[in-house]
């Protein structure tokens, strides 16, 4: 599969009264056609800021992308003109946001909002756009789709609104869909329905997906590769099966240890990660996980580790080999 997106050395900072927040610190990843990349990590680790920086959606001020590149089809999104990035957003790269309740305009009909991206990015009439909107609503499982075009967001349940948001994101048939924790506000049954829907649409439309979440359980059955973020860094990156069977970074091991397991006989006590997330007001000059890490050595406090190859297509940013306890 050909590479469709390549992000290198992305750094984003926010100016605040307390100081400069180093939200994203040299993040690099790639995405291939038809592939699903999961980005996981706890709240505040920089997952959403990473993709919003790439799409130039960071409010400035206070935010600013200070370094890096995001190459899409030979063009650096970070250096594109405002007109170029507006043409790409929505039509070629679409995003599903976390809260469907606040993502819609409450005074515009669902049909108007779903059809709008197609009207903006394609030379179609309003009626053609509305007909396509009805098709998309039916595709994502909205009953009586054509009759519901004139309904308003408050007339849909949370799960239905998220389906409508997916329909709006896909109406222009983008090459990349970015889903920013789209199932967080939904109950478990609806979560499973949304994940199954996205998998089906990915297979039918052939699009690539970046799925952002803090839920490793969702990623297990959805993603091809996983990037684990902590403190604004990608600290481990591997194919999904490799990550779950052979976690190498202490933070990834802690995350997986906190998940209930059905494939383990007998009682297994869930583990916890001691300490608190890092204060990102400090410039990153040492390993961000060192204050919470039981494997930390002196070097961890003096130098931030680079990515070490620990397996096939598997990298981890850790000075210590957690399998042997030896320093790399």
C-alpha atoms as a PDB file:
ATOM      1  CA  UNK A   1       0.000   0.000   0.000  1.00  0.00           C
ATOM      2  CA  UNK A   2       1.216   3.479  -0.850  1.00  0.00           C
ATOM      3  CA  UNK A   3       1.896   6.000   1.882  1.00  0.00           C
ATOM      4  CA  UNK A   4      -0.733   8.739   1.974  1.00  0.00           C
ATOM      5  CA  UNK A   5       0.375  10.812   4.989  1.00  0.00           C
ATOM      6  CA  UNK A   6       3.729  11.369   6.668  1.00  0.00           C
ATOM      7  CA  UNK A   7       4.118  13.515   9.772  1.00  0.00           C
ATOM      8  CA  UNK A   8       7.651  14.280  10.979  1.00  0.00           C
ATOM      9  CA  UNK A   9       8.904  16.162  14.035  1.00  0.00           C
ATOM     10  CA  UNK A  10       5.607  17.896  14.825  1.00  0.00           C
ATOM     11  CA  UNK A  11       5.861  20.320  17.763  1.00  0.00           C
ATOM     12  CA  UNK A  12       3.007  22.457  19.099  1.00  0.00           C
ATOM     13  CA  UNK A  13       3.103  24.895  22.005  1.00  0.00           C
ATOM     14  CA  UNK A  14       0.573  27.064  23.832  1.00  0.00           C
ATOM     15  CA  UNK A  15       1.350  30.382  25.496  1.00  0.00           C
ATOM     16  CA  UNK A  16      -0.436  30.712  28.845  1.00  0.00           C
ATOM     17  CA  UNK A  17      -0.173  32.942  31.909  1.00  0.00           C
ATOM     18  CA  UNK A  18       1.647  30.160  33.730  1.00  0.00           C
ATOM     19  CA  UNK A  19       4.162  29.689  30.910  1.00  0.00           C
ATOM     20  CA  UNK A  20       4.607  27.799  27.645  1.00  0.00           C
ATOM     21  CA  UNK A  21       2.797  24.458  27.459  1.00  0.00           C
ATOM     22  CA  UNK A  22       4.777  21.954  25.376  1.00  0.00           C
ATOM     23  CA  UNK A  23       1.747  19.984  24.183  1.00  0.00           C
ATOM     24  CA  UNK A  24       3.294  18.034  21.276  1.00  0.00           C
ATOM     25  CA  UNK A  25       7.034  17.338  21.215  1.00  0.00           C
ATOM     26  CA  UNK A  26       8.440  15.965  17.981  1.00  0.00           C
ATOM     27  CA  UNK A  27       5.702  13.514  16.995  1.00  0.00           C
ATOM     28  CA  UNK A  28       6.317  11.431  13.851  1.00  0.00           C
ATOM     29  CA  UNK A  29       4.091   8.831  12.185  1.00  0.00           C
ATOM     30  CA  UNK A  30       2.886   7.706   8.763  1.00  0.00           C
ATOM     31  CA  UNK A  31      -0.361   6.376   7.292  1.00  0.00           C
ATOM     32  CA  UNK A  32      -0.901   4.105   4.291  1.00  0.00           C
ATOM     33  CA  UNK A  33      -3.896   3.879   1.988  1.00  0.00           C
ATOM     34  CA  UNK A  34      -6.729   1.881   3.558  1.00  0.00           C
ATOM     35  CA  UNK A  35      -4.860   1.522   6.866  1.00  0.00           C
ATOM     36  CA  UNK A  36      -6.183   2.222  10.361  1.00  0.00           C
ATOM     37  CA  UNK A  37      -3.770   3.850  12.816  1.00  0.00           C
ATOM     38  CA  UNK A  38      -4.768   4.018  16.476  1.00  0.00           C
ATOM     39  CA  UNK A  39      -3.377   6.808  18.655  1.00  0.00           C
ATOM     40  CA  UNK A  40      -3.877   6.007  22.335  1.00  0.00           C
ATOM     41  CA  UNK A  41      -2.977   7.610  25.637  1.00  0.00           C
ATOM     42  CA  UNK A  42      -4.449   9.291  28.699  1.00  0.00           C
ATOM     43  CA  UNK A  43      -6.234  12.643  28.635  1.00  0.00           C
ATOM     44  CA  UNK A  44      -3.892  15.577  28.033  1.00  0.00           C
ATOM     45  CA  UNK A  45      -1.115  13.555  26.371  1.00  0.00           C
ATOM     46  CA  UNK A  46      -1.407  15.430  23.054  1.00  0.00           C
ATOM     47  CA  UNK A  47      -3.476  13.061  20.884  1.00  0.00           C
ATOM     48  CA  UNK A  48      -6.080  15.568  19.708  1.00  0.00           C
ATOM     49  CA  UNK A  49      -3.614  18.456  19.504  1.00  0.00           C
ATOM     50  CA  UNK A  50      -1.448  16.373  17.165  1.00  0.00           C
ATOM     51  CA  UNK A  51      -4.139  15.881  14.512  1.00  0.00           C
ATOM     52  CA  UNK A  52      -5.610  19.368  14.961  1.00  0.00           C
ATOM     53  CA  UNK A  53      -2.139  20.838  14.441  1.00  0.00           C
ATOM     54  CA  UNK A  54      -1.791  18.778  11.273  1.00  0.00           C
ATOM     55  CA  UNK A  55      -5.098  20.181   9.955  1.00  0.00           C
ATOM     56  CA  UNK A  56      -4.272  23.738  11.079  1.00  0.00           C
ATOM     57  CA  UNK A  57      -7.199  23.838  13.520  1.00  0.00           C
ATOM     58  CA  UNK A  58      -5.181  25.058  16.513  1.00  0.00           C
ATOM     59  CA  UNK A  59      -6.357  28.560  17.597  1.00  0.00           C
ATOM     60  CA  UNK A  60      -3.518  31.053  17.261  1.00  0.00           C
ATOM     61  CA  UNK A  61      -2.978  32.629  19.706  1.00  0.00           C
ATOM     62  CA  UNK A  62      -2.471  30.935  22.127  1.00  0.00           C
ATOM     63  CA  UNK A  63      -1.371  27.867  20.133  1.00  0.00           C
ATOM     64  CA  UNK A  64       1.404  27.633  17.575  1.00  0.00           C
ATOM     65  CA  UNK A  65       2.994  24.838  15.547  1.00  0.00           C
ATOM     66  CA  UNK A  66       6.694  25.591  16.024  1.00  0.00           C
ATOM     67  CA  UNK A  67       8.297  22.746  14.044  1.00  0.00           C
ATOM     68  CA  UNK A  68       7.656  19.752  11.842  1.00  0.00           C
ATOM     69  CA  UNK A  69       5.975  18.776   8.599  1.00  0.00           C
ATOM     70  CA  UNK A  70       2.809  16.927   7.557  1.00  0.00           C
ATOM     71  CA  UNK A  71       3.180  15.673   3.987  1.00  0.00           C
ATOM     72  CA  UNK A  72      -0.059  14.742   2.223  1.00  0.00           C
ATOM     73  CA  UNK A  73       0.146  13.824  -1.462  1.00  0.00           C
ATOM     74  CA  UNK A  74       3.423  15.699  -1.832  1.00  0.00           C
ATOM     75  CA  UNK A  75       2.192  18.863  -0.094  1.00  0.00           C
ATOM     76  CA  UNK A  76       3.129  20.028   3.397  1.00  0.00           C
ATOM     77  CA  UNK A  77      -0.160  20.807   5.142  1.00  0.00           C
ATOM     78  CA  UNK A  78       1.633  23.077   7.593  1.00  0.00           C
ATOM     79  CA  UNK A  79       2.882  25.299   4.750  1.00  0.00           C
ATOM     80  CA  UNK A  80      -0.246  25.232   2.581  1.00  0.00           C
ATOM     81  CA  UNK A  81      -2.149  28.450   1.998  1.00  0.00           C
ATOM     82  CA  UNK A  82      -5.430  29.049   3.810  1.00  0.00           C
ATOM     83  CA  UNK A  83      -7.314  28.372   0.570  1.00  0.00           C
ATOM     84  CA  UNK A  84      -5.436  25.104  -0.036  1.00  0.00           C
ATOM     85  CA  UNK A  85      -6.024  23.794   3.485  1.00  0.00           C
ATOM     86  CA  UNK A  86      -9.721  24.704   3.328  1.00  0.00           C
ATOM     87  CA  UNK A  87     -10.007  22.669   0.125  1.00  0.00           C
ATOM     88  CA  UNK A  88      -8.325  19.661   1.764  1.00  0.00           C
ATOM     89  CA  UNK A  89     -10.259  19.764   5.046  1.00  0.00           C
ATOM     90  CA  UNK A  90     -13.650  18.152   4.681  1.00  0.00           C
ATOM     91  CA  UNK A  91     -13.154  16.913   1.145  1.00  0.00           C
ATOM     92  CA  UNK A  92      -9.910  14.894   1.308  1.00  0.00           C
ATOM     93  CA  UNK A  93      -9.308  14.695   5.069  1.00  0.00           C
ATOM     94  CA  UNK A  94     -12.387  14.673   7.318  1.00  0.00           C
ATOM     95  CA  UNK A  95     -12.717  14.631  11.087  1.00  0.00           C
ATOM     96  CA  UNK A  96     -15.320  13.228  13.457  1.00  0.00           C
ATOM     97  CA  UNK A  97     -15.208  15.134  16.731  1.00  0.00           C
ATOM     98  CA  UNK A  98     -15.627  13.774  20.232  1.00  0.00           C
ATOM     99  CA  UNK A  99     -18.967  15.258  21.320  1.00  0.00           C
ATOM    100  CA  UNK A 100     -21.772  15.039  18.729  1.00  0.00           C
ATOM    101  CA  UNK A 101     -24.010  17.262  20.887  1.00  0.00           C
ATOM    102  CA  UNK A 102     -21.764  20.309  20.458  1.00  0.00           C
ATOM    103  CA  UNK A 103     -20.544  19.526  16.922  1.00  0.00           C
ATOM    104  CA  UNK A 104     -23.829  20.469  15.236  1.00  0.00           C
ATOM    105  CA  UNK A 105     -25.480  23.869  14.832  1.00  0.00           C
ATOM    106  CA  UNK A 106     -28.726  23.504  16.823  1.00  0.00           C
ATOM    107  CA  UNK A 107     -30.711  25.914  14.589  1.00  0.00           C
ATOM    108  CA  UNK A 108     -29.908  24.266  11.234  1.00  0.00           C
ATOM    109  CA  UNK A 109     -31.532  21.078   9.985  1.00  0.00           C
ATOM    110  CA  UNK A 110     -29.544  17.861   9.778  1.00  0.00           C
ATOM    111  CA  UNK A 111     -29.991  17.807   5.989  1.00  0.00           C
ATOM    112  CA  UNK A 112     -28.524  21.291   5.641  1.00  0.00           C
ATOM    113  CA  UNK A 113     -25.494  20.435   7.748  1.00  0.00           C
ATOM    114  CA  UNK A 114     -24.768  17.049   6.168  1.00  0.00           C
ATOM    115  CA  UNK A 115     -25.137  18.422   2.624  1.00  0.00           C
ATOM    116  CA  UNK A 116     -23.023  21.539   3.208  1.00  0.00           C
ATOM    117  CA  UNK A 117     -19.532  19.971   2.720  1.00  0.00           C
ATOM    118  CA  UNK A 118     -20.597  18.574  -0.658  1.00  0.00           C
ATOM    119  CA  UNK A 119     -21.990  21.946  -1.755  1.00  0.00           C
ATOM    120  CA  UNK A 120     -18.753  23.672  -0.746  1.00  0.00           C
ATOM    121  CA  UNK A 121     -16.309  21.214  -2.287  1.00  0.00           C
ATOM    122  CA  UNK A 122     -18.218  19.953  -5.344  1.00  0.00           C
ATOM    123  CA  UNK A 123     -20.068  21.590  -8.239  1.00  0.00           C
ATOM    124  CA  UNK A 124     -23.477  20.136  -7.364  1.00  0.00           C
ATOM    125  CA  UNK A 125     -26.881  21.720  -6.877  1.00  0.00           C
ATOM    126  CA  UNK A 126     -28.496  21.900  -3.451  1.00  0.00           C
ATOM    127  CA  UNK A 127     -31.016  19.218  -4.450  1.00  0.00           C
ATOM    128  CA  UNK A 128     -28.229  16.889  -5.561  1.00  0.00           C
ATOM    129  CA  UNK A 129     -26.415  17.527  -2.274  1.00  0.00           C
ATOM    130  CA  UNK A 130     -29.575  16.750  -0.283  1.00  0.00           C
ATOM    131  CA  UNK A 131     -30.139  13.539  -2.278  1.00  0.00           C
ATOM    132  CA  UNK A 132     -26.560  12.482  -1.518  1.00  0.00           C
ATOM    133  CA  UNK A 133     -27.060  13.416   2.166  1.00  0.00           C
ATOM    134  CA  UNK A 134     -30.079  11.101   2.328  1.00  0.00           C
ATOM    135  CA  UNK A 135     -27.986   8.293   0.795  1.00  0.00           C
ATOM    136  CA  UNK A 136     -25.233   8.822   3.372  1.00  0.00           C
ATOM    137  CA  UNK A 137     -27.666   8.877   6.287  1.00  0.00           C
ATOM    138  CA  UNK A 138     -29.126   5.590   5.057  1.00  0.00           C
ATOM    139  CA  UNK A 139     -25.604   4.156   4.676  1.00  0.00           C
ATOM    140  CA  UNK A 140     -24.784   4.867   8.344  1.00  0.00           C
ATOM    141  CA  UNK A 141     -28.025   3.293   9.522  1.00  0.00           C
ATOM    142  CA  UNK A 142     -30.455   6.198  10.019  1.00  0.00           C
ATOM    143  CA  UNK A 143     -34.027   4.862   9.470  1.00  0.00           C
ATOM    144  CA  UNK A 144     -36.275   6.818   7.080  1.00  0.00           C
ATOM    145  CA  UNK A 145     -33.246   8.892   6.108  1.00  0.00           C
ATOM    146  CA  UNK A 146     -34.952  11.076   3.502  1.00  0.00           C
ATOM    147  CA  UNK A 147     -37.759  12.009   5.903  1.00  0.00           C
ATOM    148  CA  UNK A 148     -35.278  12.999   8.592  1.00  0.00           C
ATOM    149  CA  UNK A 149     -33.364  15.578   6.548  1.00  0.00           C
ATOM    150  CA  UNK A 150     -35.628  18.327   7.909  1.00  0.00           C
ATOM    151  CA  UNK A 151     -35.175  17.290  11.559  1.00  0.00           C
ATOM    152  CA  UNK A 152     -32.926  19.181  13.979  1.00  0.00           C
ATOM    153  CA  UNK A 153     -30.021  17.778  16.045  1.00  0.00           C
ATOM    154  CA  UNK A 154     -32.019  17.687  19.297  1.00  0.00           C
ATOM    155  CA  UNK A 155     -34.420  15.214  17.661  1.00  0.00           C
ATOM    156  CA  UNK A 156     -31.676  12.572  17.434  1.00  0.00           C
ATOM    157  CA  UNK A 157     -30.210  10.439  20.237  1.00  0.00           C
ATOM    158  CA  UNK A 158     -26.488  10.564  21.046  1.00  0.00           C
ATOM    159  CA  UNK A 159     -25.698   7.457  19.004  1.00  0.00           C
ATOM    160  CA  UNK A 160     -27.780   8.713  16.074  1.00  0.00           C
ATOM    161  CA  UNK A 161     -26.029  12.092  16.169  1.00  0.00           C
ATOM    162  CA  UNK A 162     -22.671  10.348  16.003  1.00  0.00           C
ATOM    163  CA  UNK A 163     -23.861   8.379  12.967  1.00  0.00           C
ATOM    164  CA  UNK A 164     -24.970  11.631  11.348  1.00  0.00           C
ATOM    165  CA  UNK A 165     -21.561  13.156  12.122  1.00  0.00           C
ATOM    166  CA  UNK A 166     -19.893  10.199  10.372  1.00  0.00           C
ATOM    167  CA  UNK A 167     -22.226  10.637   7.380  1.00  0.00           C
ATOM    168  CA  UNK A 168     -21.295  14.331   7.171  1.00  0.00           C
ATOM    169  CA  UNK A 169     -17.582  13.469   7.354  1.00  0.00           C
ATOM    170  CA  UNK A 170     -17.853  10.899   4.547  1.00  0.00           C
ATOM    171  CA  UNK A 171     -20.167  12.709   2.135  1.00  0.00           C
ATOM    172  CA  UNK A 172     -17.225  13.937   0.019  1.00  0.00           C
ATOM    173  CA  UNK A 173     -15.585  10.467   0.100  1.00  0.00           C
ATOM    174  CA  UNK A 174     -12.347  11.567   1.815  1.00  0.00           C
ATOM    175  CA  UNK A 175      -9.125   9.601   1.621  1.00  0.00           C
ATOM    176  CA  UNK A 176      -8.489   9.984   5.360  1.00  0.00           C
ATOM    177  CA  UNK A 177     -11.007   9.951   8.211  1.00  0.00           C
ATOM    178  CA  UNK A 178      -9.828  11.206  11.606  1.00  0.00           C
ATOM    179  CA  UNK A 179     -12.026  10.024  14.482  1.00  0.00           C
ATOM    180  CA  UNK A 180     -11.287  11.898  17.723  1.00  0.00           C
ATOM    181  CA  UNK A 181     -12.695   9.690  20.513  1.00  0.00           C
ATOM    182  CA  UNK A 182     -16.039   9.398  18.703  1.00  0.00           C
ATOM    183  CA  UNK A 183     -17.495   6.841  21.137  1.00  0.00           C
ATOM    184  CA  UNK A 184     -16.486   8.409  24.468  1.00  0.00           C
ATOM    185  CA  UNK A 185     -19.917   9.866  25.330  1.00  0.00           C
ATOM    186  CA  UNK A 186     -21.846   6.762  24.232  1.00  0.00           C
ATOM    187  CA  UNK A 187     -22.858   3.634  26.128  1.00  0.00           C
ATOM    188  CA  UNK A 188     -21.060   0.359  25.446  1.00  0.00           C
ATOM    189  CA  UNK A 189     -23.701  -1.086  23.098  1.00  0.00           C
ATOM    190  CA  UNK A 190     -23.751   2.032  20.913  1.00  0.00           C
ATOM    191  CA  UNK A 191     -19.933   2.148  20.999  1.00  0.00           C
ATOM    192  CA  UNK A 192     -19.797  -1.324  19.473  1.00  0.00           C
ATOM    193  CA  UNK A 193     -22.299  -0.341  16.782  1.00  0.00           C
ATOM    194  CA  UNK A 194     -20.269   2.769  15.836  1.00  0.00           C
ATOM    195  CA  UNK A 195     -17.006   0.789  15.673  1.00  0.00           C
ATOM    196  CA  UNK A 196     -18.621  -1.885  13.482  1.00  0.00           C
ATOM    197  CA  UNK A 197     -20.079   0.842  11.261  1.00  0.00           C
ATOM    198  CA  UNK A 198     -16.690   2.529  10.770  1.00  0.00           C
ATOM    199  CA  UNK A 199     -15.021  -0.811   9.978  1.00  0.00           C
ATOM    200  CA  UNK A 200     -17.690  -1.586   7.368  1.00  0.00           C
ATOM    201  CA  UNK A 201     -17.425   1.849   5.771  1.00  0.00           C
ATOM    202  CA  UNK A 202     -13.616   1.614   5.740  1.00  0.00           C
ATOM    203  CA  UNK A 203     -13.816  -1.661   3.825  1.00  0.00           C
ATOM    204  CA  UNK A 204     -16.490  -0.360   1.423  1.00  0.00           C
ATOM    205  CA  UNK A 205     -14.900   3.036   0.717  1.00  0.00           C
ATOM    206  CA  UNK A 206     -11.217   2.103   1.039  1.00  0.00           C
ATOM    207  CA  UNK A 207     -10.337   5.107   3.178  1.00  0.00           C
ATOM    208  CA  UNK A 208      -7.538   5.354   5.744  1.00  0.00           C
ATOM    209  CA  UNK A 209      -8.432   6.063   9.367  1.00  0.00           C
ATOM    210  CA  UNK A 210      -6.711   7.707  12.327  1.00  0.00           C
ATOM    211  CA  UNK A 211      -8.655   6.672  15.435  1.00  0.00           C
ATOM    212  CA  UNK A 212      -7.846   8.615  18.618  1.00  0.00           C
ATOM    213  CA  UNK A 213      -8.891   7.090  21.930  1.00  0.00           C
ATOM    214  CA  UNK A 214      -7.905   6.301  25.501  1.00  0.00           C
ATOM    215  CA  UNK A 215      -9.648   2.913  25.238  1.00  0.00           C
ATOM    216  CA  UNK A 216      -7.219   0.158  24.271  1.00  0.00           C
ATOM    217  CA  UNK A 217     -10.114  -2.297  24.057  1.00  0.00           C
ATOM    218  CA  UNK A 218     -11.610  -0.500  21.051  1.00  0.00           C
ATOM    219  CA  UNK A 219      -8.267  -0.292  19.252  1.00  0.00           C
ATOM    220  CA  UNK A 220      -7.649  -4.047  19.560  1.00  0.00           C
ATOM    221  CA  UNK A 221     -10.353  -4.945  17.061  1.00  0.00           C
ATOM    222  CA  UNK A 222     -10.073  -1.912  14.811  1.00  0.00           C
ATOM    223  CA  UNK A 223      -6.504  -0.746  14.155  1.00  0.00           C
ATOM    224  CA  UNK A 224      -3.665  -2.151  12.077  1.00  0.00           C
ATOM    225  CA  UNK A 225      -0.980  -0.183  13.946  1.00  0.00           C
ATOM    226  CA  UNK A 226      -0.943   1.612  17.295  1.00  0.00           C
ATOM    227  CA  UNK A 227       0.994   4.674  18.469  1.00  0.00           C
ATOM    228  CA  UNK A 228       1.032   5.164  22.249  1.00  0.00           C
ATOM    229  CA  UNK A 229       1.420   8.802  23.401  1.00  0.00           C
ATOM    230  CA  UNK A 230       2.582  10.185  26.721  1.00  0.00           C
ATOM    231  CA  UNK A 231       3.540  13.737  27.644  1.00  0.00           C
ATOM    232  CA  UNK A 232       3.417  14.935  24.039  1.00  0.00           C
ATOM    233  CA  UNK A 233       5.639  12.102  22.727  1.00  0.00           C
ATOM    234  CA  UNK A 234       4.961   8.859  20.907  1.00  0.00           C
ATOM    235  CA  UNK A 235       6.628   6.436  23.313  1.00  0.00           C
ATOM    236  CA  UNK A 236       5.785   3.148  21.565  1.00  0.00           C
ATOM    237  CA  UNK A 237       4.682   2.276  18.031  1.00  0.00           C
ATOM    238  CA  UNK A 238       3.886  -1.210  16.736  1.00  0.00           C
ATOM    239  CA  UNK A 239       1.438  -3.392  14.795  1.00  0.00           C
ATOM    240  CA  UNK A 240      -1.611  -3.946  16.969  1.00  0.00           C
ATOM    241  CA  UNK A 241      -1.035  -7.662  17.654  1.00  0.00           C
ATOM    242  CA  UNK A 242       2.638  -7.086  18.421  1.00  0.00           C
ATOM    243  CA  UNK A 243       1.806  -4.282  20.878  1.00  0.00           C
ATOM    244  CA  UNK A 244      -0.728  -6.361  22.796  1.00  0.00           C
ATOM    245  CA  UNK A 245       1.407  -9.510  22.984  1.00  0.00           C
ATOM    246  CA  UNK A 246       4.780  -7.826  23.501  1.00  0.00           C
ATOM    247  CA  UNK A 247       4.427  -4.367  25.152  1.00  0.00           C
ATOM    248  CA  UNK A 248       7.874  -2.924  25.793  1.00  0.00           C
ATOM    249  CA  UNK A 249       7.551   0.586  27.217  1.00  0.00           C
ATOM    250  CA  UNK A 250       6.683   0.707  30.955  1.00  0.00           C
ATOM    251  CA  UNK A 251       3.743   3.030  30.267  1.00  0.00           C
ATOM    252  CA  UNK A 252       2.252   0.694  27.643  1.00  0.00           C
ATOM    253  CA  UNK A 253       2.728  -2.228  30.027  1.00  0.00           C
ATOM    254  CA  UNK A 254       0.854  -0.272  32.697  1.00  0.00           C
ATOM    255  CA  UNK A 255      -1.994   0.585  30.337  1.00  0.00           C
ATOM    256  CA  UNK A 256      -2.456  -3.023  29.249  1.00  0.00           C
ATOM    257  CA  UNK A 257      -2.145  -4.232  32.835  1.00  0.00           C
ATOM    258  CA  UNK A 258      -5.093  -2.051  33.823  1.00  0.00           C
ATOM    259  CA  UNK A 259      -7.426  -3.779  31.329  1.00  0.00           C
ATOM    260  CA  UNK A 260      -9.721  -6.633  32.438  1.00  0.00           C
ATOM    261  CA  UNK A 261      -8.806  -9.855  30.618  1.00  0.00           C
ATOM    262  CA  UNK A 262     -11.228 -12.614  29.623  1.00  0.00           C
ATOM    263  CA  UNK A 263      -8.535 -14.861  28.169  1.00  0.00           C
ATOM    264  CA  UNK A 264      -6.689 -15.359  31.473  1.00  0.00           C
ATOM    265  CA  UNK A 265      -7.848 -18.147  33.782  1.00  0.00           C
ATOM    266  CA  UNK A 266      -8.216 -17.434  37.489  1.00  0.00           C
ATOM    267  CA  UNK A 267      -8.194 -14.082  39.194  1.00  0.00           C
ATOM    268  CA  UNK A 268      -5.795 -11.459  37.932  1.00  0.00           C
ATOM    269  CA  UNK A 269      -5.341  -8.256  39.880  1.00  0.00           C
ATOM    270  CA  UNK A 270      -5.493  -5.133  37.724  1.00  0.00           C
ATOM    271  CA  UNK A 271      -2.397  -2.950  37.952  1.00  0.00           C
ATOM    272  CA  UNK A 272      -2.279   0.818  38.307  1.00  0.00           C
ATOM    273  CA  UNK A 273       0.251   3.417  37.230  1.00  0.00           C
ATOM    274  CA  UNK A 274       1.476   5.312  40.271  1.00  0.00           C
ATOM    275  CA  UNK A 275       1.951   9.089  40.224  1.00  0.00           C
ATOM    276  CA  UNK A 276       0.390  11.839  38.142  1.00  0.00           C
ATOM    277  CA  UNK A 277       0.724  12.955  34.479  1.00  0.00           C
ATOM    278  CA  UNK A 278       3.641  15.276  33.667  1.00  0.00           C
ATOM    279  CA  UNK A 279       3.545  19.063  33.915  1.00  0.00           C
ATOM    280  CA  UNK A 280       3.989  20.151  30.297  1.00  0.00           C
ATOM    281  CA  UNK A 281       5.091  23.664  31.289  1.00  0.00           C
ATOM    282  CA  UNK A 282       8.625  22.300  31.485  1.00  0.00           C
ATOM    283  CA  UNK A 283      10.720  21.894  28.351  1.00  0.00           C
ATOM    284  CA  UNK A 284      11.191  18.154  27.633  1.00  0.00           C
ATOM    285  CA  UNK A 285      14.833  17.443  28.496  1.00  0.00           C
ATOM    286  CA  UNK A 286      14.364  14.047  30.167  1.00  0.00           C
ATOM    287  CA  UNK A 287      12.060  11.054  29.781  1.00  0.00           C
ATOM    288  CA  UNK A 288       8.533  12.312  30.584  1.00  0.00           C
ATOM    289  CA  UNK A 289       7.588   8.983  32.201  1.00  0.00           C
ATOM    290  CA  UNK A 290      10.636   8.834  34.503  1.00  0.00           C
ATOM    291  CA  UNK A 291       8.832  10.205  37.615  1.00  0.00           C
ATOM    292  CA  UNK A 292       6.323   7.313  37.437  1.00  0.00           C
ATOM    293  CA  UNK A 293       8.595   4.554  36.156  1.00  0.00           C
ATOM    294  CA  UNK A 294       9.916   1.686  38.289  1.00  0.00           C
ATOM    295  CA  UNK A 295      12.604   0.978  35.662  1.00  0.00           C
ATOM    296  CA  UNK A 296      14.057   4.528  35.679  1.00  0.00           C
ATOM    297  CA  UNK A 297      17.856   4.873  35.779  1.00  0.00           C
ATOM    298  CA  UNK A 298      20.037   7.974  36.049  1.00  0.00           C
ATOM    299  CA  UNK A 299      20.135   8.484  32.295  1.00  0.00           C
ATOM    300  CA  UNK A 300      16.321   8.749  32.176  1.00  0.00           C
ATOM    301  CA  UNK A 301      16.515  11.968  34.224  1.00  0.00           C
ATOM    302  CA  UNK A 302      19.190  13.562  32.056  1.00  0.00           C
ATOM    303  CA  UNK A 303      18.276  12.658  28.478  1.00  0.00           C
ATOM    304  CA  UNK A 304      15.079  11.903  26.596  1.00  0.00           C
ATOM    305  CA  UNK A 305      15.421   8.531  24.821  1.00  0.00           C
ATOM    306  CA  UNK A 306      15.020   8.193  21.089  1.00  0.00           C
ATOM    307  CA  UNK A 307      13.145   5.362  19.394  1.00  0.00           C
ATOM    308  CA  UNK A 308      14.783   1.953  19.737  1.00  0.00           C
ATOM    309  CA  UNK A 309      13.882  -0.920  17.399  1.00  0.00           C
ATOM    310  CA  UNK A 310      12.605  -3.715  19.645  1.00  0.00           C
ATOM    311  CA  UNK A 311      10.899  -5.913  17.041  1.00  0.00           C
ATOM    312  CA  UNK A 312       9.533  -5.997  13.490  1.00  0.00           C
ATOM    313  CA  UNK A 313       8.114  -2.505  12.855  1.00  0.00           C
ATOM    314  CA  UNK A 314       8.129  -2.067  16.648  1.00  0.00           C
ATOM    315  CA  UNK A 315       9.830   0.896  18.338  1.00  0.00           C
ATOM    316  CA  UNK A 316       9.919   2.069  21.956  1.00  0.00           C
ATOM    317  CA  UNK A 317      11.377   5.231  23.518  1.00  0.00           C
ATOM    318  CA  UNK A 318      12.994   3.770  26.649  1.00  0.00           C
ATOM    319  CA  UNK A 319      16.577   3.591  27.876  1.00  0.00           C
ATOM    320  CA  UNK A 320      15.914   0.281  29.650  1.00  0.00           C
ATOM    321  CA  UNK A 321      15.109  -3.108  28.141  1.00  0.00           C
ATOM    322  CA  UNK A 322      12.110  -3.959  30.328  1.00  0.00           C
ATOM    323  CA  UNK A 323      12.423  -7.669  29.498  1.00  0.00           C
ATOM    324  CA  UNK A 324      15.960  -7.982  30.892  1.00  0.00           C
ATOM    325  CA  UNK A 325      16.209  -4.888  33.092  1.00  0.00           C
ATOM    326  CA  UNK A 326      19.430  -3.871  31.353  1.00  0.00           C
ATOM    327  CA  UNK A 327      20.170  -0.365  30.102  1.00  0.00           C
ATOM    328  CA  UNK A 328      20.249  -0.041  26.315  1.00  0.00           C
END
